[in-house]
Amino acid sequence: MKRNWLVFVLGALFILFGVLWTLQGTDVMGGSSMSGVTLWAVVGPIVVIAGLVMLGVGFARRRRISR
């Protein structure tokens, strides 16, 4: 229960990196070897969804604990 903040931080990092990878994979953000590679355009949104699920779990735990 004390580690609930870890779920929030990891979820936010997953979302951040997922968006970054999506932008690089779709070649919106260039400048790396990941730019324009379709793999990252597919992996990025999957990581964003995983981050959103982690945030949802964190909020559900928080709501359950406060009751």
PDB file of N, CA and C in Angstrom:
ATOM      1  N   MET A   1       0.816  -1.187   0.000  1.00  0.00           N
ATOM      2  CA  MET A   1       0.000   0.000   0.000  1.00  0.00           C
ATOM      3  C   MET A   1       0.864   1.257   0.000  1.00  0.00           C
ATOM      4  N   LYS A   2       2.004   1.169   0.659  1.00  0.00           N
ATOM      5  CA  LYS A   2       2.893   2.315   0.661  1.00  0.00           C
ATOM      6  C   LYS A   2       3.564   2.480  -0.701  1.00  0.00           C
ATOM      7  N   ARG A   3       3.603   1.418  -1.483  1.00  0.00           N
ATOM      8  CA  ARG A   3       4.266   1.467  -2.781  1.00  0.00           C
ATOM      9  C   ARG A   3       3.320   1.836  -3.912  1.00  0.00           C
ATOM     10  N   ASN A   4       2.166   2.343  -3.575  1.00  0.00           N
ATOM     11  CA  ASN A   4       1.203   2.732  -4.605  1.00  0.00           C
ATOM     12  C   ASN A   4       1.751   3.848  -5.492  1.00  0.00           C
ATOM     13  N   TRP A   5       2.606   4.697  -4.955  1.00  0.00           N
ATOM     14  CA  TRP A   5       3.215   5.774  -5.738  1.00  0.00           C
ATOM     15  C   TRP A   5       4.066   5.196  -6.860  1.00  0.00           C
ATOM     16  N   LEU A   6       4.636   4.013  -6.641  1.00  0.00           N
ATOM     17  CA  LEU A   6       5.469   3.383  -7.658  1.00  0.00           C
ATOM     18  C   LEU A   6       4.651   3.032  -8.893  1.00  0.00           C
ATOM     19  N   VAL A   7       3.415   2.605  -8.684  1.00  0.00           N
ATOM     20  CA  VAL A   7       2.536   2.285  -9.808  1.00  0.00           C
ATOM     21  C   VAL A   7       2.242   3.553 -10.614  1.00  0.00           C
ATOM     22  N   PHE A   8       2.023   4.669  -9.936  1.00  0.00           N
ATOM     23  CA  PHE A   8       1.773   5.932 -10.622  1.00  0.00           C
ATOM     24  C   PHE A   8       2.995   6.388 -11.426  1.00  0.00           C
ATOM     25  N   VAL A   9       4.164   6.309 -10.810  1.00  0.00           N
ATOM     26  CA  VAL A   9       5.385   6.748 -11.487  1.00  0.00           C
ATOM     27  C   VAL A   9       5.680   5.866 -12.693  1.00  0.00           C
ATOM     28  N   LEU A  10       5.587   4.556 -12.524  1.00  0.00           N
ATOM     29  CA  LEU A  10       5.836   3.651 -13.651  1.00  0.00           C
ATOM     30  C   LEU A  10       4.811   3.838 -14.761  1.00  0.00           C
ATOM     31  N   GLY A  11       3.560   4.026 -14.395  1.00  0.00           N
ATOM     32  CA  GLY A  11       2.529   4.264 -15.400  1.00  0.00           C
ATOM     33  C   GLY A  11       2.799   5.535 -16.192  1.00  0.00           C
ATOM     34  N   ALA A  12       3.192   6.591 -15.493  1.00  0.00           N
ATOM     35  CA  ALA A  12       3.504   7.850 -16.179  1.00  0.00           C
ATOM     36  C   ALA A  12       4.725   7.703 -17.082  1.00  0.00           C
ATOM     37  N   LEU A  13       5.740   6.978 -16.625  1.00  0.00           N
ATOM     38  CA  LEU A  13       6.928   6.751 -17.462  1.00  0.00           C
ATOM     39  C   LEU A  13       6.591   5.906 -18.691  1.00  0.00           C
ATOM     40  N   PHE A  14       5.757   4.894 -18.515  1.00  0.00           N
ATOM     41  CA  PHE A  14       5.334   4.083 -19.659  1.00  0.00           C
ATOM     42  C   PHE A  14       4.641   4.967 -20.694  1.00  0.00           C
ATOM     43  N   ILE A  15       3.759   5.842 -20.233  1.00  0.00           N
ATOM     44  CA  ILE A  15       3.043   6.721 -21.155  1.00  0.00           C
ATOM     45  C   ILE A  15       4.020   7.655 -21.864  1.00  0.00           C
ATOM     46  N   LEU A  16       4.930   8.241 -21.113  1.00  0.00           N
ATOM     47  CA  LEU A  16       5.908   9.160 -21.686  1.00  0.00           C
ATOM     48  C   LEU A  16       6.758   8.470 -22.757  1.00  0.00           C
ATOM     49  N   PHE A  17       7.318   7.308 -22.423  1.00  0.00           N
ATOM     50  CA  PHE A  17       8.158   6.606 -23.380  1.00  0.00           C
ATOM     51  C   PHE A  17       7.348   6.071 -24.555  1.00  0.00           C
ATOM     52  N   GLY A  18       6.119   5.641 -24.304  1.00  0.00           N
ATOM     53  CA  GLY A  18       5.273   5.157 -25.388  1.00  0.00           C
ATOM     54  C   GLY A  18       4.959   6.241 -26.402  1.00  0.00           C
ATOM     55  N   VAL A  19       4.662   7.443 -25.909  1.00  0.00           N
ATOM     56  CA  VAL A  19       4.402   8.570 -26.814  1.00  0.00           C
ATOM     57  C   VAL A  19       5.667   8.926 -27.591  1.00  0.00           C
ATOM     58  N   LEU A  20       6.791   8.951 -26.904  1.00  0.00           N
ATOM     59  CA  LEU A  20       8.070   9.249 -27.557  1.00  0.00           C
ATOM     60  C   LEU A  20       8.367   8.230 -28.653  1.00  0.00           C
ATOM     61  N   TRP A  21       8.212   6.949 -28.347  1.00  0.00           N
ATOM     62  CA  TRP A  21       8.485   5.903 -29.338  1.00  0.00           C
ATOM     63  C   TRP A  21       7.518   5.974 -30.516  1.00  0.00           C
ATOM     64  N   THR A  22       6.265   6.310 -30.239  1.00  0.00           N
ATOM     65  CA  THR A  22       5.288   6.444 -31.321  1.00  0.00           C
ATOM     66  C   THR A  22       5.678   7.590 -32.251  1.00  0.00           C
ATOM     67  N   LEU A  23       6.042   8.721 -31.670  1.00  0.00           N
ATOM     68  CA  LEU A  23       6.442   9.867 -32.483  1.00  0.00           C
ATOM     69  C   LEU A  23       7.695   9.574 -33.302  1.00  0.00           C
ATOM     70  N   GLN A  24       8.632   8.851 -32.719  1.00  0.00           N
ATOM     71  CA  GLN A  24       9.836   8.497 -33.462  1.00  0.00           C
ATOM     72  C   GLN A  24       9.529   7.462 -34.537  1.00  0.00           C
ATOM     73  N   GLY A  25       8.692   6.500 -34.228  1.00  0.00           N
ATOM     74  CA  GLY A  25       8.355   5.466 -35.194  1.00  0.00           C
ATOM     75  C   GLY A  25       7.591   5.994 -36.392  1.00  0.00           C
ATOM     76  N   THR A  26       6.772   7.011 -36.177  1.00  0.00           N
ATOM     77  CA  THR A  26       6.024   7.617 -37.277  1.00  0.00           C
ATOM     78  C   THR A  26       6.804   8.732 -37.955  1.00  0.00           C
ATOM     79  N   ASP A  27       8.047   8.921 -37.540  1.00  0.00           N
ATOM     80  CA  ASP A  27       8.970   9.898 -38.108  1.00  0.00           C
ATOM     81  C   ASP A  27       8.525  11.344 -37.903  1.00  0.00           C
ATOM     82  N   VAL A  28       7.714  11.580 -36.871  1.00  0.00           N
ATOM     83  CA  VAL A  28       7.343  12.945 -36.504  1.00  0.00           C
ATOM     84  C   VAL A  28       8.510  13.591 -35.759  1.00  0.00           C
ATOM     85  N   MET A  29       9.172  12.804 -34.924  1.00  0.00           N
ATOM     86  CA  MET A  29      10.329  13.266 -34.175  1.00  0.00           C
ATOM     87  C   MET A  29      11.542  12.504 -34.702  1.00  0.00           C
ATOM     88  N   GLY A  30      12.386  13.187 -35.401  1.00  0.00           N
ATOM     89  CA  GLY A  30      13.548  12.536 -36.001  1.00  0.00           C
ATOM     90  C   GLY A  30      14.774  12.646 -35.127  1.00  0.00           C
ATOM     91  N   GLY A  31      15.887  12.208 -35.686  1.00  0.00           N
ATOM     92  CA  GLY A  31      17.153  12.382 -35.002  1.00  0.00           C
ATOM     93  C   GLY A  31      17.669  11.162 -34.277  1.00  0.00           C
ATOM     94  N   SER A  32      17.065   9.997 -34.484  1.00  0.00           N
ATOM     95  CA  SER A  32      17.588   8.797 -33.840  1.00  0.00           C
ATOM     96  C   SER A  32      17.464   7.624 -34.800  1.00  0.00           C
ATOM     97  N   SER A  33      18.067   6.520 -34.412  1.00  0.00           N
ATOM     98  CA  SER A  33      17.979   5.324 -35.257  1.00  0.00           C
ATOM     99  C   SER A  33      16.580   4.711 -35.221  1.00  0.00           C
ATOM    100  N   MET A  34      15.751   5.157 -34.291  1.00  0.00           N
ATOM    101  CA  MET A  34      14.374   4.659 -34.192  1.00  0.00           C
ATOM    102  C   MET A  34      13.433   5.415 -35.131  1.00  0.00           C
ATOM    103  N   SER A  35      13.869   6.510 -35.688  1.00  0.00           N
ATOM    104  CA  SER A  35      13.015   7.351 -36.523  1.00  0.00           C
ATOM    105  C   SER A  35      12.629   6.640 -37.812  1.00  0.00           C
ATOM    106  N   GLY A  36      11.339   6.602 -38.068  1.00  0.00           N
ATOM    107  CA  GLY A  36      10.827   6.011 -39.293  1.00  0.00           C
ATOM    108  C   GLY A  36      10.763   4.496 -39.282  1.00  0.00           C
ATOM    109  N   VAL A  37      11.015   3.853 -38.142  1.00  0.00           N
ATOM    110  CA  VAL A  37      10.964   2.397 -38.044  1.00  0.00           C
ATOM    111  C   VAL A  37       9.575   1.994 -37.562  1.00  0.00           C
ATOM    112  N   THR A  38       8.895   1.181 -38.351  1.00  0.00           N
ATOM    113  CA  THR A  38       7.510   0.811 -38.067  1.00  0.00           C
ATOM    114  C   THR A  38       7.360   0.087 -36.741  1.00  0.00           C
ATOM    115  N   LEU A  39       8.356  -0.664 -36.337  1.00  0.00           N
ATOM    116  CA  LEU A  39       8.287  -1.395 -35.067  1.00  0.00           C
ATOM    117  C   LEU A  39       7.951  -0.460 -33.912  1.00  0.00           C
ATOM    118  N   TRP A  40       8.595   0.705 -33.875  1.00  0.00           N
ATOM    119  CA  TRP A  40       8.366   1.639 -32.771  1.00  0.00           C
ATOM    120  C   TRP A  40       7.015   2.325 -32.880  1.00  0.00           C
ATOM    121  N   ALA A  41       6.489   2.437 -34.097  1.00  0.00           N
ATOM    122  CA  ALA A  41       5.148   2.996 -34.276  1.00  0.00           C
ATOM    123  C   ALA A  41       4.082   2.022 -33.766  1.00  0.00           C
ATOM    124  N   VAL A  42       4.425   0.741 -33.661  1.00  0.00           N
ATOM    125  CA  VAL A  42       3.497  -0.265 -33.137  1.00  0.00           C
ATOM    126  C   VAL A  42       3.707  -0.470 -31.637  1.00  0.00           C
ATOM    127  N   VAL A  43       4.956  -0.542 -31.206  1.00  0.00           N
ATOM    128  CA  VAL A  43       5.277  -0.782 -29.797  1.00  0.00           C
ATOM    129  C   VAL A  43       4.860   0.413 -28.935  1.00  0.00           C
ATOM    130  N   GLY A  44       5.018   1.627 -29.433  1.00  0.00           N
ATOM    131  CA  GLY A  44       4.703   2.828 -28.668  1.00  0.00           C
ATOM    132  C   GLY A  44       3.283   2.863 -28.126  1.00  0.00           C
ATOM    133  N   PRO A  45       2.261   2.695 -28.976  1.00  0.00           N
ATOM    134  CA  PRO A  45       0.889   2.718 -28.450  1.00  0.00           C
ATOM    135  C   PRO A  45       0.592   1.574 -27.476  1.00  0.00           C
ATOM    136  N   ILE A  46       1.236   0.432 -27.671  1.00  0.00           N
ATOM    137  CA  ILE A  46       1.041  -0.680 -26.736  1.00  0.00           C
ATOM    138  C   ILE A  46       1.582  -0.303 -25.360  1.00  0.00           C
ATOM    139  N   VAL A  47       2.722   0.362 -25.332  1.00  0.00           N
ATOM    140  CA  VAL A  47       3.317   0.795 -24.065  1.00  0.00           C
ATOM    141  C   VAL A  47       2.458   1.887 -23.425  1.00  0.00           C
ATOM    142  N   VAL A  48       1.882   2.772 -24.233  1.00  0.00           N
ATOM    143  CA  VAL A  48       0.981   3.801 -23.697  1.00  0.00           C
ATOM    144  C   VAL A  48      -0.234   3.154 -23.043  1.00  0.00           C
ATOM    145  N   ILE A  49      -0.806   2.151 -23.690  1.00  0.00           N
ATOM    146  CA  ILE A  49      -1.968   1.462 -23.119  1.00  0.00           C
ATOM    147  C   ILE A  49      -1.586   0.776 -21.807  1.00  0.00           C
ATOM    148  N   ALA A  50      -0.414   0.161 -21.765  1.00  0.00           N
ATOM    149  CA  ALA A  50       0.044  -0.478 -20.526  1.00  0.00           C
ATOM    150  C   ALA A  50       0.192   0.563 -19.411  1.00  0.00           C
ATOM    151  N   GLY A  51       0.698   1.738 -19.747  1.00  0.00           N
ATOM    152  CA  GLY A  51       0.828   2.806 -18.765  1.00  0.00           C
ATOM    153  C   GLY A  51      -0.520   3.290 -18.257  1.00  0.00           C
ATOM    154  N   LEU A  52      -1.485   3.396 -19.154  1.00  0.00           N
ATOM    155  CA  LEU A  52      -2.832   3.802 -18.748  1.00  0.00           C
ATOM    156  C   LEU A  52      -3.469   2.766 -17.833  1.00  0.00           C
ATOM    157  N   VAL A  53      -3.234   1.496 -18.127  1.00  0.00           N
ATOM    158  CA  VAL A  53      -3.748   0.431 -17.261  1.00  0.00           C
ATOM    159  C   VAL A  53      -3.102   0.519 -15.876  1.00  0.00           C
ATOM    160  N   MET A  54      -1.808   0.781 -15.842  1.00  0.00           N
ATOM    161  CA  MET A  54      -1.122   0.910 -14.554  1.00  0.00           C
ATOM    162  C   MET A  54      -1.685   2.084 -13.750  1.00  0.00           C
ATOM    163  N   LEU A  55      -1.933   3.199 -14.412  1.00  0.00           N
ATOM    164  CA  LEU A  55      -2.533   4.340 -13.710  1.00  0.00           C
ATOM    165  C   LEU A  55      -3.932   3.996 -13.213  1.00  0.00           C
ATOM    166  N   GLY A  56      -4.696   3.293 -14.028  1.00  0.00           N
ATOM    167  CA  GLY A  56      -6.034   2.877 -13.609  1.00  0.00           C
ATOM    168  C   GLY A  56      -5.999   1.977 -12.390  1.00  0.00           C
ATOM    169  N   VAL A  57      -5.057   1.038 -12.376  1.00  0.00           N
ATOM    170  CA  VAL A  57      -4.900   0.156 -11.223  1.00  0.00           C
ATOM    171  C   VAL A  57      -4.495   0.970  -9.992  1.00  0.00           C
ATOM    172  N   GLY A  58      -3.598   1.917 -10.183  1.00  0.00           N
ATOM    173  CA  GLY A  58      -3.176   2.756  -9.067  1.00  0.00           C
ATOM    174  C   GLY A  58      -4.316   3.560  -8.479  1.00  0.00           C
ATOM    175  N   PHE A  59      -5.150   4.141  -9.338  1.00  0.00           N
ATOM    176  CA  PHE A  59      -6.290   4.911  -8.845  1.00  0.00           C
ATOM    177  C   PHE A  59      -7.320   4.011  -8.174  1.00  0.00           C
ATOM    178  N   ALA A  60      -7.515   2.809  -8.705  1.00  0.00           N
ATOM    179  CA  ALA A  60      -8.461   1.879  -8.091  1.00  0.00           C
ATOM    180  C   ALA A  60      -7.982   1.453  -6.712  1.00  0.00           C
ATOM    181  N   ARG A  61      -6.687   1.189  -6.579  1.00  0.00           N
ATOM    182  CA  ARG A  61      -6.137   0.832  -5.270  1.00  0.00           C
ATOM    183  C   ARG A  61      -6.279   1.981  -4.289  1.00  0.00           C
ATOM    184  N   ARG A  62      -6.018   3.188  -4.787  1.00  0.00           N
ATOM    185  CA  ARG A  62      -6.111   4.365  -3.911  1.00  0.00           C
ATOM    186  C   ARG A  62      -7.543   4.565  -3.423  1.00  0.00           C
ATOM    187  N   ARG A  63      -8.498   4.378  -4.318  1.00  0.00           N
ATOM    188  CA  ARG A  63      -9.896   4.553  -3.942  1.00  0.00           C
ATOM    189  C   ARG A  63     -10.315   3.491  -2.938  1.00  0.00           C
ATOM    190  N   ARG A  64      -9.840   2.253  -3.161  1.00  0.00           N
ATOM    191  CA  ARG A  64     -10.180   1.157  -2.268  1.00  0.00           C
ATOM    192  C   ARG A  64      -9.572   1.363  -0.882  1.00  0.00           C
ATOM    193  N   ILE A  65      -8.358   1.896  -0.830  1.00  0.00           N
ATOM    194  CA  ILE A  65      -7.664   2.123   0.444  1.00  0.00           C
ATOM    195  C   ILE A  65      -8.344   3.232   1.240  1.00  0.00           C
ATOM    196  N   SER A  66      -8.834   4.268   0.564  1.00  0.00           N
ATOM    197  CA  SER A  66      -9.413   5.416   1.266  1.00  0.00           C
ATOM    198  C   SER A  66     -10.795   5.132   1.826  1.00  0.00           C
ATOM    199  N   ARG A  67     -11.397   4.034   1.443  1.00  0.00           N
ATOM    200  CA  ARG A  67     -12.734   3.720   1.981  1.00  0.00           C
ATOM    201  C   ARG A  67     -12.694   3.109   3.331  1.00  0.00           C
TER     202      ARG A  67
END
